[in-house]
Amino acid sequence: MYTIDDKMYPCCTSVTMKFIGGKWKAVILVHLTSGPKRYNEIRKLIPTITERTLSLQLKQLEEDGVIERKVYTQKPPLMVEYALTDFGNTLFPVIQAIRKWGIEAVENSKKIIRKTS
């Protein structure tokens, strides 16, 4: 058993999934591996995510120390940018492996899968 923030996990895999699990966290992290992004940039990159879900996922990633939210107080308007933390950057190989596996799964699928832009 492993404990993080008073929550117990049965194995190291479940610890990893705490940080990247769910439908959207890994997708958000893939986009942040290329550099900091503003909220609307992320939203455009993931058009099927709702605003509420994106906000919640970003907040969870920030609370877990995976990303940082930087507020620029320029006038006008207020600008907020999200970027991977040093801790978040340690997930880069994991995210790349998941992405690579997904590409191979699509290429090896017997079903016809069309990439949409």
PDB file of N, CA and C in Angstrom:
ATOM      1  N   MET A   1       0.841  -1.184   0.000  1.00  0.00           N
ATOM      2  CA  MET A   1       0.000   0.000   0.000  1.00  0.00           C
ATOM      3  C   MET A   1       0.885   1.247   0.000  1.00  0.00           C
ATOM      4  N   TYR A   2       0.364   2.275  -0.655  1.00  0.00           N
ATOM      5  CA  TYR A   2       1.063   3.547  -0.739  1.00  0.00           C
ATOM      6  C   TYR A   2       0.115   4.650  -0.291  1.00  0.00           C
ATOM      7  N   THR A   3       0.655   5.661   0.340  1.00  0.00           N
ATOM      8  CA  THR A   3      -0.169   6.763   0.824  1.00  0.00           C
ATOM      9  C   THR A   3       0.360   8.083   0.289  1.00  0.00           C
ATOM     10  N   ILE A   4      -0.551   8.874  -0.284  1.00  0.00           N
ATOM     11  CA  ILE A   4      -0.244  10.227  -0.730  1.00  0.00           C
ATOM     12  C   ILE A   4      -1.370  11.110  -0.219  1.00  0.00           C
ATOM     13  N   ASP A   5      -1.011  12.170   0.481  1.00  0.00           N
ATOM     14  CA  ASP A   5      -2.011  13.099   1.022  1.00  0.00           C
ATOM     15  C   ASP A   5      -3.118  12.365   1.778  1.00  0.00           C
ATOM     16  N   ASP A   6      -2.725  11.440   2.626  1.00  0.00           N
ATOM     17  CA  ASP A   6      -3.644  10.678   3.470  1.00  0.00           C
ATOM     18  C   ASP A   6      -4.598   9.777   2.693  1.00  0.00           C
ATOM     19  N   LYS A   7      -4.360   9.567   1.415  1.00  0.00           N
ATOM     20  CA  LYS A   7      -5.173   8.642   0.631  1.00  0.00           C
ATOM     21  C   LYS A   7      -4.326   7.431   0.298  1.00  0.00           C
ATOM     22  N   MET A   8      -4.910   6.230   0.465  1.00  0.00           N
ATOM     23  CA  MET A   8      -4.158   4.998   0.246  1.00  0.00           C
ATOM     24  C   MET A   8      -4.381   4.466  -1.173  1.00  0.00           C
ATOM     25  N   TYR A   9      -3.317   3.938  -1.742  1.00  0.00           N
ATOM     26  CA  TYR A   9      -3.340   3.356  -3.078  1.00  0.00           C
ATOM     27  C   TYR A   9      -2.793   1.935  -2.996  1.00  0.00           C
ATOM     28  N   PRO A  10      -3.424   0.973  -3.679  1.00  0.00           N
ATOM     29  CA  PRO A  10      -3.002  -0.420  -3.575  1.00  0.00           C
ATOM     30  C   PRO A  10      -1.696  -0.747  -4.290  1.00  0.00           C
ATOM     31  N   CYS A  11      -1.326   0.083  -5.308  1.00  0.00           N
ATOM     32  CA  CYS A  11      -0.099  -0.206  -6.062  1.00  0.00           C
ATOM     33  C   CYS A  11       0.406   1.075  -6.727  1.00  0.00           C
ATOM     34  N   CYS A  12       1.592   0.987  -7.278  1.00  0.00           N
ATOM     35  CA  CYS A  12       2.196   2.158  -7.925  1.00  0.00           C
ATOM     36  C   CYS A  12       1.417   2.589  -9.169  1.00  0.00           C
ATOM     37  N   THR A  13       0.791   1.639  -9.848  1.00  0.00           N
ATOM     38  CA  THR A  13      -0.011   1.988 -11.021  1.00  0.00           C
ATOM     39  C   THR A  13      -1.163   2.892 -10.629  1.00  0.00           C
ATOM     40  N   SER A  14      -1.799   2.600  -9.511  1.00  0.00           N
ATOM     41  CA  SER A  14      -2.912   3.445  -9.070  1.00  0.00           C
ATOM     42  C   SER A  14      -2.418   4.838  -8.664  1.00  0.00           C
ATOM     43  N   VAL A  15      -1.180   4.923  -8.180  1.00  0.00           N
ATOM     44  CA  VAL A  15      -0.594   6.230  -7.868  1.00  0.00           C
ATOM     45  C   VAL A  15      -0.428   7.024  -9.168  1.00  0.00           C
ATOM     46  N   THR A  16       0.102   6.390 -10.203  1.00  0.00           N
ATOM     47  CA  THR A  16       0.270   7.052 -11.496  1.00  0.00           C
ATOM     48  C   THR A  16      -1.068   7.524 -12.032  1.00  0.00           C
ATOM     49  N   MET A  17      -2.082   6.672 -11.945  1.00  0.00           N
ATOM     50  CA  MET A  17      -3.403   7.019 -12.470  1.00  0.00           C
ATOM     51  C   MET A  17      -4.044   8.161 -11.687  1.00  0.00           C
ATOM     52  N   LYS A  18      -3.651   8.334 -10.433  1.00  0.00           N
ATOM     53  CA  LYS A  18      -4.135   9.482  -9.658  1.00  0.00           C
ATOM     54  C   LYS A  18      -3.777  10.778 -10.377  1.00  0.00           C
ATOM     55  N   PHE A  19      -2.603  10.806 -10.983  1.00  0.00           N
ATOM     56  CA  PHE A  19      -2.120  12.012 -11.630  1.00  0.00           C
ATOM     57  C   PHE A  19      -2.575  12.154 -13.080  1.00  0.00           C
ATOM     58  N   ILE A  20      -2.738  11.054 -13.810  1.00  0.00           N
ATOM     59  CA  ILE A  20      -3.058  11.162 -15.240  1.00  0.00           C
ATOM     60  C   ILE A  20      -4.349  10.457 -15.620  1.00  0.00           C
ATOM     61  N   GLY A  21      -5.042   9.866 -14.657  1.00  0.00           N
ATOM     62  CA  GLY A  21      -6.242   9.089 -14.959  1.00  0.00           C
ATOM     63  C   GLY A  21      -7.414   9.938 -15.400  1.00  0.00           C
ATOM     64  N   GLY A  22      -8.398   9.283 -15.932  1.00  0.00           N
ATOM     65  CA  GLY A  22      -9.580   9.965 -16.432  1.00  0.00           C
ATOM     66  C   GLY A  22      -9.469  10.184 -17.922  1.00  0.00           C
ATOM     67  N   LYS A  23     -10.539  10.690 -18.482  1.00  0.00           N
ATOM     68  CA  LYS A  23     -10.622  10.840 -19.935  1.00  0.00           C
ATOM     69  C   LYS A  23      -9.754  11.970 -20.478  1.00  0.00           C
ATOM     70  N   TRP A  24      -9.527  13.022 -19.702  1.00  0.00           N
ATOM     71  CA  TRP A  24      -8.932  14.227 -20.251  1.00  0.00           C
ATOM     72  C   TRP A  24      -7.560  14.617 -19.745  1.00  0.00           C
ATOM     73  N   LYS A  25      -7.133  14.166 -18.588  1.00  0.00           N
ATOM     74  CA  LYS A  25      -5.861  14.643 -18.028  1.00  0.00           C
ATOM     75  C   LYS A  25      -4.681  14.370 -18.949  1.00  0.00           C
ATOM     76  N   ALA A  26      -4.570  13.154 -19.443  1.00  0.00           N
ATOM     77  CA  ALA A  26      -3.445  12.825 -20.319  1.00  0.00           C
ATOM     78  C   ALA A  26      -3.499  13.641 -21.604  1.00  0.00           C
ATOM     79  N   VAL A  27      -4.697  13.891 -22.118  1.00  0.00           N
ATOM     80  CA  VAL A  27      -4.851  14.691 -23.336  1.00  0.00           C
ATOM     81  C   VAL A  27      -4.373  16.121 -23.094  1.00  0.00           C
ATOM     82  N   ILE A  28      -4.760  16.682 -21.974  1.00  0.00           N
ATOM     83  CA  ILE A  28      -4.309  18.032 -21.610  1.00  0.00           C
ATOM     84  C   ILE A  28      -2.785  18.055 -21.491  1.00  0.00           C
ATOM     85  N   LEU A  29      -2.230  17.048 -20.836  1.00  0.00           N
ATOM     86  CA  LEU A  29      -0.780  16.998 -20.640  1.00  0.00           C
ATOM     87  C   LEU A  29      -0.032  16.858 -21.958  1.00  0.00           C
ATOM     88  N   VAL A  30      -0.584  16.095 -22.897  1.00  0.00           N
ATOM     89  CA  VAL A  30       0.051  15.972 -24.220  1.00  0.00           C
ATOM     90  C   VAL A  30       0.214  17.356 -24.841  1.00  0.00           C
ATOM     91  N   HIS A  31      -0.820  18.158 -24.762  1.00  0.00           N
ATOM     92  CA  HIS A  31      -0.759  19.497 -25.364  1.00  0.00           C
ATOM     93  C   HIS A  31       0.189  20.424 -24.613  1.00  0.00           C
ATOM     94  N   LEU A  32       0.339  20.225 -23.318  1.00  0.00           N
ATOM     95  CA  LEU A  32       1.249  21.081 -22.544  1.00  0.00           C
ATOM     96  C   LEU A  32       2.713  20.663 -22.679  1.00  0.00           C
ATOM     97  N   THR A  33       2.968  19.473 -23.241  1.00  0.00           N
ATOM     98  CA  THR A  33       4.366  19.064 -23.422  1.00  0.00           C
ATOM     99  C   THR A  33       5.071  19.939 -24.451  1.00  0.00           C
ATOM    100  N   SER A  34       4.307  20.587 -25.323  1.00  0.00           N
ATOM    101  CA  SER A  34       4.935  21.461 -26.324  1.00  0.00           C
ATOM    102  C   SER A  34       5.138  22.878 -25.820  1.00  0.00           C
ATOM    103  N   GLY A  35       4.729  23.143 -24.578  1.00  0.00           N
ATOM    104  CA  GLY A  35       4.939  24.460 -23.992  1.00  0.00           C
ATOM    105  C   GLY A  35       3.682  25.003 -23.344  1.00  0.00           C
ATOM    106  N   PRO A  36       3.814  26.119 -22.627  1.00  0.00           N
ATOM    107  CA  PRO A  36       2.676  26.720 -21.928  1.00  0.00           C
ATOM    108  C   PRO A  36       1.548  27.074 -22.896  1.00  0.00           C
ATOM    109  N   LYS A  37       0.331  26.972 -22.389  1.00  0.00           N
ATOM    110  CA  LYS A  37      -0.847  27.295 -23.191  1.00  0.00           C
ATOM    111  C   LYS A  37      -1.833  28.097 -22.350  1.00  0.00           C
ATOM    112  N   ARG A  38      -2.555  28.976 -23.016  1.00  0.00           N
ATOM    113  CA  ARG A  38      -3.654  29.690 -22.378  1.00  0.00           C
ATOM    114  C   ARG A  38      -4.881  28.786 -22.384  1.00  0.00           C
ATOM    115  N   TYR A  39      -5.822  29.095 -21.507  1.00  0.00           N
ATOM    116  CA  TYR A  39      -7.045  28.293 -21.385  1.00  0.00           C
ATOM    117  C   TYR A  39      -7.728  28.110 -22.741  1.00  0.00           C
ATOM    118  N   ASN A  40      -7.920  29.213 -23.472  1.00  0.00           N
ATOM    119  CA  ASN A  40      -8.616  29.129 -24.763  1.00  0.00           C
ATOM    120  C   ASN A  40      -7.833  28.333 -25.799  1.00  0.00           C
ATOM    121  N   GLU A  41      -6.522  28.345 -25.716  1.00  0.00           N
ATOM    122  CA  GLU A  41      -5.713  27.529 -26.625  1.00  0.00           C
ATOM    123  C   GLU A  41      -5.984  26.050 -26.371  1.00  0.00           C
ATOM    124  N   ILE A  42      -5.993  25.675 -25.097  1.00  0.00           N
ATOM    125  CA  ILE A  42      -6.263  24.275 -24.737  1.00  0.00           C
ATOM    126  C   ILE A  42      -7.668  23.900 -25.194  1.00  0.00           C
ATOM    127  N   ARG A  43      -8.603  24.780 -24.968  1.00  0.00           N
ATOM    128  CA  ARG A  43     -10.003  24.546 -25.350  1.00  0.00           C
ATOM    129  C   ARG A  43     -10.126  24.287 -26.847  1.00  0.00           C
ATOM    130  N   LYS A  44      -9.392  25.047 -27.658  1.00  0.00           N
ATOM    131  CA  LYS A  44      -9.427  24.863 -29.114  1.00  0.00           C
ATOM    132  C   LYS A  44      -8.751  23.560 -29.539  1.00  0.00           C
ATOM    133  N   LEU A  45      -7.723  23.161 -28.802  1.00  0.00           N
ATOM    134  CA  LEU A  45      -7.026  21.918 -29.113  1.00  0.00           C
ATOM    135  C   LEU A  45      -7.849  20.679 -28.759  1.00  0.00           C
ATOM    136  N   ILE A  46      -8.772  20.842 -27.813  1.00  0.00           N
ATOM    137  CA  ILE A  46      -9.623  19.731 -27.366  1.00  0.00           C
ATOM    138  C   ILE A  46     -11.087  20.181 -27.482  1.00  0.00           C
ATOM    139  N   PRO A  47     -11.603  20.274 -28.696  1.00  0.00           N
ATOM    140  CA  PRO A  47     -12.931  20.855 -28.882  1.00  0.00           C
ATOM    141  C   PRO A  47     -14.082  20.065 -28.262  1.00  0.00           C
ATOM    142  N   THR A  48     -13.886  18.802 -27.961  1.00  0.00           N
ATOM    143  CA  THR A  48     -14.982  17.994 -27.412  1.00  0.00           C
ATOM    144  C   THR A  48     -15.075  18.045 -25.887  1.00  0.00           C
ATOM    145  N   ILE A  49     -14.146  18.729 -25.237  1.00  0.00           N
ATOM    146  CA  ILE A  49     -14.197  18.845 -23.783  1.00  0.00           C
ATOM    147  C   ILE A  49     -15.077  20.044 -23.412  1.00  0.00           C
ATOM    148  N   THR A  50     -15.875  19.892 -22.386  1.00  0.00           N
ATOM    149  CA  THR A  50     -16.702  21.020 -21.944  1.00  0.00           C
ATOM    150  C   THR A  50     -15.844  21.996 -21.140  1.00  0.00           C
ATOM    151  N   GLU A  51     -16.293  23.233 -21.056  1.00  0.00           N
ATOM    152  CA  GLU A  51     -15.550  24.239 -20.303  1.00  0.00           C
ATOM    153  C   GLU A  51     -15.455  23.848 -18.832  1.00  0.00           C
ATOM    154  N   ARG A  52     -16.544  23.335 -18.291  1.00  0.00           N
ATOM    155  CA  ARG A  52     -16.561  22.928 -16.880  1.00  0.00           C
ATOM    156  C   ARG A  52     -15.551  21.811 -16.625  1.00  0.00           C
ATOM    157  N   THR A  53     -15.552  20.817 -17.502  1.00  0.00           N
ATOM    158  CA  THR A  53     -14.630  19.688 -17.343  1.00  0.00           C
ATOM    159  C   THR A  53     -13.185  20.153 -17.474  1.00  0.00           C
ATOM    160  N   LEU A  54     -12.911  20.996 -18.457  1.00  0.00           N
ATOM    161  CA  LEU A  54     -11.552  21.505 -18.629  1.00  0.00           C
ATOM    162  C   LEU A  54     -11.100  22.254 -17.384  1.00  0.00           C
ATOM    163  N   SER A  55     -11.962  23.111 -16.869  1.00  0.00           N
ATOM    164  CA  SER A  55     -11.622  23.864 -15.656  1.00  0.00           C
ATOM    165  C   SER A  55     -11.333  22.940 -14.483  1.00  0.00           C
ATOM    166  N   LEU A  56     -12.176  21.922 -14.305  1.00  0.00           N
ATOM    167  CA  LEU A  56     -11.984  20.972 -13.197  1.00  0.00           C
ATOM    168  C   LEU A  56     -10.695  20.175 -13.361  1.00  0.00           C
ATOM    169  N   GLN A  57     -10.413  19.721 -14.569  1.00  0.00           N
ATOM    170  CA  GLN A  57      -9.211  18.929 -14.810  1.00  0.00           C
ATOM    171  C   GLN A  57      -7.956  19.772 -14.600  1.00  0.00           C
ATOM    172  N   LEU A  58      -7.977  21.007 -15.079  1.00  0.00           N
ATOM    173  CA  LEU A  58      -6.831  21.900 -14.873  1.00  0.00           C
ATOM    174  C   LEU A  58      -6.621  22.158 -13.388  1.00  0.00           C
ATOM    175  N   LYS A  59      -7.705  22.351 -12.660  1.00  0.00           N
ATOM    176  CA  LYS A  59      -7.601  22.591 -11.216  1.00  0.00           C
ATOM    177  C   LYS A  59      -7.007  21.374 -10.506  1.00  0.00           C
ATOM    178  N   GLN A  60      -7.464  20.170 -10.867  1.00  0.00           N
ATOM    179  CA  GLN A  60      -6.929  18.952 -10.250  1.00  0.00           C
ATOM    180  C   GLN A  60      -5.458  18.773 -10.576  1.00  0.00           C
ATOM    181  N   LEU A  61      -5.080  18.996 -11.831  1.00  0.00           N
ATOM    182  CA  LEU A  61      -3.675  18.877 -12.218  1.00  0.00           C
ATOM    183  C   LEU A  61      -2.810  19.889 -11.469  1.00  0.00           C
ATOM    184  N   GLU A  62      -3.355  21.081 -11.271  1.00  0.00           N
ATOM    185  CA  GLU A  62      -2.626  22.106 -10.514  1.00  0.00           C
ATOM    186  C   GLU A  62      -2.501  21.707  -9.046  1.00  0.00           C
ATOM    187  N   GLU A  63      -3.580  21.241  -8.442  1.00  0.00           N
ATOM    188  CA  GLU A  63      -3.556  20.811  -7.039  1.00  0.00           C
ATOM    189  C   GLU A  63      -2.585  19.653  -6.823  1.00  0.00           C
ATOM    190  N   ASP A  64      -2.444  18.792  -7.831  1.00  0.00           N
ATOM    191  CA  ASP A  64      -1.524  17.657  -7.739  1.00  0.00           C
ATOM    192  C   ASP A  64      -0.078  18.052  -8.041  1.00  0.00           C
ATOM    193  N   GLY A  65       0.138  19.314  -8.415  1.00  0.00           N
ATOM    194  CA  GLY A  65       1.501  19.784  -8.675  1.00  0.00           C
ATOM    195  C   GLY A  65       2.033  19.402 -10.035  1.00  0.00           C
ATOM    196  N   VAL A  66       1.166  18.961 -10.935  1.00  0.00           N
ATOM    197  CA  VAL A  66       1.587  18.525 -12.268  1.00  0.00           C
ATOM    198  C   VAL A  66       1.710  19.718 -13.214  1.00  0.00           C
ATOM    199  N   ILE A  67       0.807  20.681 -13.058  1.00  0.00           N
ATOM    200  CA  ILE A  67       0.875  21.894 -13.864  1.00  0.00           C
ATOM    201  C   ILE A  67       0.864  23.103 -12.935  1.00  0.00           C
ATOM    202  N   GLU A  68       1.282  24.230 -13.497  1.00  0.00           N
ATOM    203  CA  GLU A  68       1.199  25.472 -12.747  1.00  0.00           C
ATOM    204  C   GLU A  68       0.356  26.458 -13.541  1.00  0.00           C
ATOM    205  N   ARG A  69      -0.341  27.274 -12.803  1.00  0.00           N
ATOM    206  CA  ARG A  69      -1.196  28.316 -13.386  1.00  0.00           C
ATOM    207  C   ARG A  69      -0.518  29.644 -13.102  1.00  0.00           C
ATOM    208  N   LYS A  70      -0.162  30.328 -14.166  1.00  0.00           N
ATOM    209  CA  LYS A  70       0.535  31.602 -14.010  1.00  0.00           C
ATOM    210  C   LYS A  70      -0.386  32.722 -14.489  1.00  0.00           C
ATOM    211  N   VAL A  71      -0.597  33.696 -13.622  1.00  0.00           N
ATOM    212  CA  VAL A  71      -1.480  34.828 -13.937  1.00  0.00           C
ATOM    213  C   VAL A  71      -0.615  36.040 -14.256  1.00  0.00           C
ATOM    214  N   TYR A  72      -0.863  36.627 -15.423  1.00  0.00           N
ATOM    215  CA  TYR A  72      -0.188  37.851 -15.837  1.00  0.00           C
ATOM    216  C   TYR A  72      -1.182  38.983 -15.671  1.00  0.00           C
ATOM    217  N   THR A  73      -0.800  39.985 -14.931  1.00  0.00           N
ATOM    218  CA  THR A  73      -1.723  41.089 -14.635  1.00  0.00           C
ATOM    219  C   THR A  73      -1.496  42.256 -15.576  1.00  0.00           C
ATOM    220  N   GLN A  74      -1.539  41.974 -16.846  1.00  0.00           N
ATOM    221  CA  GLN A  74      -1.408  43.043 -17.831  1.00  0.00           C
ATOM    222  C   GLN A  74      -2.789  43.633 -18.098  1.00  0.00           C
ATOM    223  N   LYS A  75      -2.825  44.829 -18.574  1.00  0.00           N
ATOM    224  CA  LYS A  75      -4.111  45.466 -18.874  1.00  0.00           C
ATOM    225  C   LYS A  75      -4.231  45.629 -20.366  1.00  0.00           C
ATOM    226  N   PRO A  76      -5.439  45.578 -20.874  1.00  0.00           N
ATOM    227  CA  PRO A  76      -6.380  44.504 -20.617  1.00  0.00           C
ATOM    228  C   PRO A  76      -5.989  43.305 -21.438  1.00  0.00           C
ATOM    229  N   PRO A  77      -6.489  42.202 -21.362  1.00  0.00           N
ATOM    230  CA  PRO A  77      -7.197  41.614 -20.241  1.00  0.00           C
ATOM    231  C   PRO A  77      -6.234  40.813 -19.380  1.00  0.00           C
ATOM    232  N   LEU A  78      -6.744  40.261 -18.331  1.00  0.00           N
ATOM    233  CA  LEU A  78      -5.960  39.377 -17.470  1.00  0.00           C
ATOM    234  C   LEU A  78      -5.596  38.131 -18.279  1.00  0.00           C
ATOM    235  N   MET A  79      -4.355  37.689 -18.203  1.00  0.00           N
ATOM    236  CA  MET A  79      -3.942  36.514 -18.968  1.00  0.00           C
ATOM    237  C   MET A  79      -3.514  35.414 -18.014  1.00  0.00           C
ATOM    238  N   VAL A  80      -4.020  34.216 -18.246  1.00  0.00           N
ATOM    239  CA  VAL A  80      -3.660  33.048 -17.443  1.00  0.00           C
ATOM    240  C   VAL A  80      -3.059  32.011 -18.381  1.00  0.00           C
ATOM    241  N   GLU A  81      -1.956  31.433 -17.951  1.00  0.00           N
ATOM    242  CA  GLU A  81      -1.249  30.442 -18.755  1.00  0.00           C
ATOM    243  C   GLU A  81      -1.005  29.206 -17.911  1.00  0.00           C
ATOM    244  N   TYR A  82      -1.100  28.041 -18.539  1.00  0.00           N
ATOM    245  CA  TYR A  82      -0.853  26.768 -17.864  1.00  0.00           C
ATOM    246  C   TYR A  82       0.393  26.130 -18.459  1.00  0.00           C
ATOM    247  N   ALA A  83       1.221  25.568 -17.578  1.00  0.00           N
ATOM    248  CA  ALA A  83       2.458  24.923 -18.023  1.00  0.00           C
ATOM    249  C   ALA A  83       2.765  23.752 -17.104  1.00  0.00           C
ATOM    250  N   LEU A  84       3.537  22.820 -17.626  1.00  0.00           N
ATOM    251  CA  LEU A  84       3.990  21.696 -16.804  1.00  0.00           C
ATOM    252  C   LEU A  84       4.971  22.201 -15.753  1.00  0.00           C
ATOM    253  N   THR A  85       4.892  21.656 -14.569  1.00  0.00           N
ATOM    254  CA  THR A  85       5.883  21.928 -13.531  1.00  0.00           C
ATOM    255  C   THR A  85       7.064  20.994 -13.769  1.00  0.00           C
ATOM    256  N   ASP A  86       8.105  21.124 -12.976  1.00  0.00           N
ATOM    257  CA  ASP A  86       9.216  20.173 -13.064  1.00  0.00           C
ATOM    258  C   ASP A  86       8.701  18.758 -12.796  1.00  0.00           C
ATOM    259  N   PHE A  87       7.828  18.634 -11.805  1.00  0.00           N
ATOM    260  CA  PHE A  87       7.221  17.336 -11.499  1.00  0.00           C
ATOM    261  C   PHE A  87       6.392  16.845 -12.687  1.00  0.00           C
ATOM    262  N   GLY A  88       5.632  17.739 -13.294  1.00  0.00           N
ATOM    263  CA  GLY A  88       4.827  17.381 -14.460  1.00  0.00           C
ATOM    264  C   GLY A  88       5.681  16.929 -15.633  1.00  0.00           C
ATOM    265  N   ASN A  89       6.836  17.563 -15.791  1.00  0.00           N
ATOM    266  CA  ASN A  89       7.748  17.164 -16.875  1.00  0.00           C
ATOM    267  C   ASN A  89       8.265  15.741 -16.705  1.00  0.00           C
ATOM    268  N   THR A  90       8.283  15.234 -15.466  1.00  0.00           N
ATOM    269  CA  THR A  90       8.722  13.845 -15.268  1.00  0.00           C
ATOM    270  C   THR A  90       7.711  12.866 -15.864  1.00  0.00           C
ATOM    271  N   LEU A  91       6.492  13.334 -16.141  1.00  0.00           N
ATOM    272  CA  LEU A  91       5.476  12.490 -16.773  1.00  0.00           C
ATOM    273  C   LEU A  91       5.636  12.428 -18.296  1.00  0.00           C
ATOM    274  N   PHE A  92       6.516  13.250 -18.847  1.00  0.00           N
ATOM    275  CA  PHE A  92       6.686  13.315 -20.297  1.00  0.00           C
ATOM    276  C   PHE A  92       6.890  11.940 -20.935  1.00  0.00           C
ATOM    277  N   PRO A  93       7.812  11.101 -20.425  1.00  0.00           N
ATOM    278  CA  PRO A  93       7.993   9.781 -21.051  1.00  0.00           C
ATOM    279  C   PRO A  93       6.733   8.909 -20.967  1.00  0.00           C
ATOM    280  N   VAL A  94       5.990   9.044 -19.889  1.00  0.00           N
ATOM    281  CA  VAL A  94       4.764   8.265 -19.722  1.00  0.00           C
ATOM    282  C   VAL A  94       3.728   8.710 -20.752  1.00  0.00           C
ATOM    283  N   ILE A  95       3.549  10.009 -20.880  1.00  0.00           N
ATOM    284  CA  ILE A  95       2.582  10.568 -21.832  1.00  0.00           C
ATOM    285  C   ILE A  95       2.982  10.212 -23.266  1.00  0.00           C
ATOM    286  N   GLN A  96       4.272  10.315 -23.578  1.00  0.00           N
ATOM    287  CA  GLN A  96       4.747   9.953 -24.920  1.00  0.00           C
ATOM    288  C   GLN A  96       4.502   8.476 -25.214  1.00  0.00           C
ATOM    289  N   ALA A  97       4.709   7.617 -24.218  1.00  0.00           N
ATOM    290  CA  ALA A  97       4.471   6.179 -24.401  1.00  0.00           C
ATOM    291  C   ALA A  97       2.984   5.901 -24.639  1.00  0.00           C
ATOM    292  N   ILE A  98       2.124   6.579 -23.905  1.00  0.00           N
ATOM    293  CA  ILE A  98       0.674   6.406 -24.093  1.00  0.00           C
ATOM    294  C   ILE A  98       0.284   6.870 -25.494  1.00  0.00           C
ATOM    295  N   ARG A  99       0.805   8.007 -25.917  1.00  0.00           N
ATOM    296  CA  ARG A  99       0.511   8.537 -27.251  1.00  0.00           C
ATOM    297  C   ARG A  99       0.997   7.581 -28.337  1.00  0.00           C
ATOM    298  N   LYS A 100       2.222   7.082 -28.190  1.00  0.00           N
ATOM    299  CA  LYS A 100       2.792   6.156 -29.172  1.00  0.00           C
ATOM    300  C   LYS A 100       1.961   4.877 -29.251  1.00  0.00           C
ATOM    301  N   TRP A 101       1.554   4.356 -28.111  1.00  0.00           N
ATOM    302  CA  TRP A 101       0.746   3.153 -28.084  1.00  0.00           C
ATOM    303  C   TRP A 101      -0.583   3.395 -28.806  1.00  0.00           C
ATOM    304  N   GLY A 102      -1.189   4.559 -28.584  1.00  0.00           N
ATOM    305  CA  GLY A 102      -2.444   4.897 -29.247  1.00  0.00           C
ATOM    306  C   GLY A 102      -2.301   4.958 -30.759  1.00  0.00           C
ATOM    307  N   ILE A 103      -1.202   5.552 -31.225  1.00  0.00           N
ATOM    308  CA  ILE A 103      -0.940   5.621 -32.666  1.00  0.00           C
ATOM    309  C   ILE A 103      -0.807   4.212 -33.234  1.00  0.00           C
ATOM    310  N   GLU A 104      -0.050   3.359 -32.558  1.00  0.00           N
ATOM    311  CA  GLU A 104       0.126   1.978 -33.022  1.00  0.00           C
ATOM    312  C   GLU A 104      -1.183   1.202 -32.989  1.00  0.00           C
ATOM    313  N   ALA A 105      -2.000   1.428 -31.971  1.00  0.00           N
ATOM    314  CA  ALA A 105      -3.287   0.734 -31.876  1.00  0.00           C
ATOM    315  C   ALA A 105      -4.183   1.110 -33.050  1.00  0.00           C
ATOM    316  N   VAL A 106      -4.178   2.400 -33.416  1.00  0.00           N
ATOM    317  CA  VAL A 106      -4.977   2.850 -34.557  1.00  0.00           C
ATOM    318  C   VAL A 106      -4.446   2.230 -35.844  1.00  0.00           C
ATOM    319  N   GLU A 107      -3.129   2.264 -36.023  1.00  0.00           N
ATOM    320  CA  GLU A 107      -2.529   1.732 -37.245  1.00  0.00           C
ATOM    321  C   GLU A 107      -2.724   0.231 -37.382  1.00  0.00           C
ATOM    322  N   ASN A 108      -2.742  -0.498 -36.272  1.00  0.00           N
ATOM    323  CA  ASN A 108      -2.880  -1.950 -36.311  1.00  0.00           C
ATOM    324  C   ASN A 108      -4.326  -2.433 -36.226  1.00  0.00           C
ATOM    325  N   SER A 109      -5.244  -1.513 -36.091  1.00  0.00           N
ATOM    326  CA  SER A 109      -6.643  -1.880 -35.964  1.00  0.00           C
ATOM    327  C   SER A 109      -7.170  -2.426 -37.274  1.00  0.00           C
ATOM    328  N   LYS A 110      -8.002  -3.424 -37.190  1.00  0.00           N
ATOM    329  CA  LYS A 110      -8.626  -3.980 -38.386  1.00  0.00           C
ATOM    330  C   LYS A 110      -9.831  -3.143 -38.811  1.00  0.00           C
ATOM    331  N   LYS A 111     -10.249  -2.255 -37.948  1.00  0.00           N
ATOM    332  CA  LYS A 111     -11.367  -1.373 -38.264  1.00  0.00           C
ATOM    333  C   LYS A 111     -10.835  -0.162 -39.023  1.00  0.00           C
ATOM    334  N   ILE A 112     -11.695   0.420 -39.822  1.00  0.00           N
ATOM    335  CA  ILE A 112     -11.312   1.641 -40.535  1.00  0.00           C
ATOM    336  C   ILE A 112     -11.501   2.812 -39.579  1.00  0.00           C
ATOM    337  N   ILE A 113     -10.428   3.495 -39.313  1.00  0.00           N
ATOM    338  CA  ILE A 113     -10.470   4.635 -38.428  1.00  0.00           C
ATOM    339  C   ILE A 113      -9.956   5.836 -39.197  1.00  0.00           C
ATOM    340  N   ARG A 114     -10.747   6.867 -39.226  1.00  0.00           N
ATOM    341  CA  ARG A 114     -10.347   8.081 -39.931  1.00  0.00           C
ATOM    342  C   ARG A 114      -9.890   9.128 -38.949  1.00  0.00           C
ATOM    343  N   LYS A 115      -8.767   9.726 -39.244  1.00  0.00           N
ATOM    344  CA  LYS A 115      -8.273  10.822 -38.416  1.00  0.00           C
ATOM    345  C   LYS A 115      -9.012  12.075 -38.838  1.00  0.00           C
ATOM    346  N   THR A 116      -9.579  12.768 -37.866  1.00  0.00           N
ATOM    347  CA  THR A 116     -10.217  14.044 -38.162  1.00  0.00           C
ATOM    348  C   THR A 116      -9.345  15.154 -37.615  1.00  0.00           C
ATOM    349  N   SER A 117      -9.401  16.288 -38.255  1.00  0.00           N
ATOM    350  CA  SER A 117      -8.547  17.384 -37.782  1.00  0.00           C
ATOM    351  C   SER A 117      -9.264  18.309 -36.861  1.00  0.00           C
TER     352      SER A 117
END
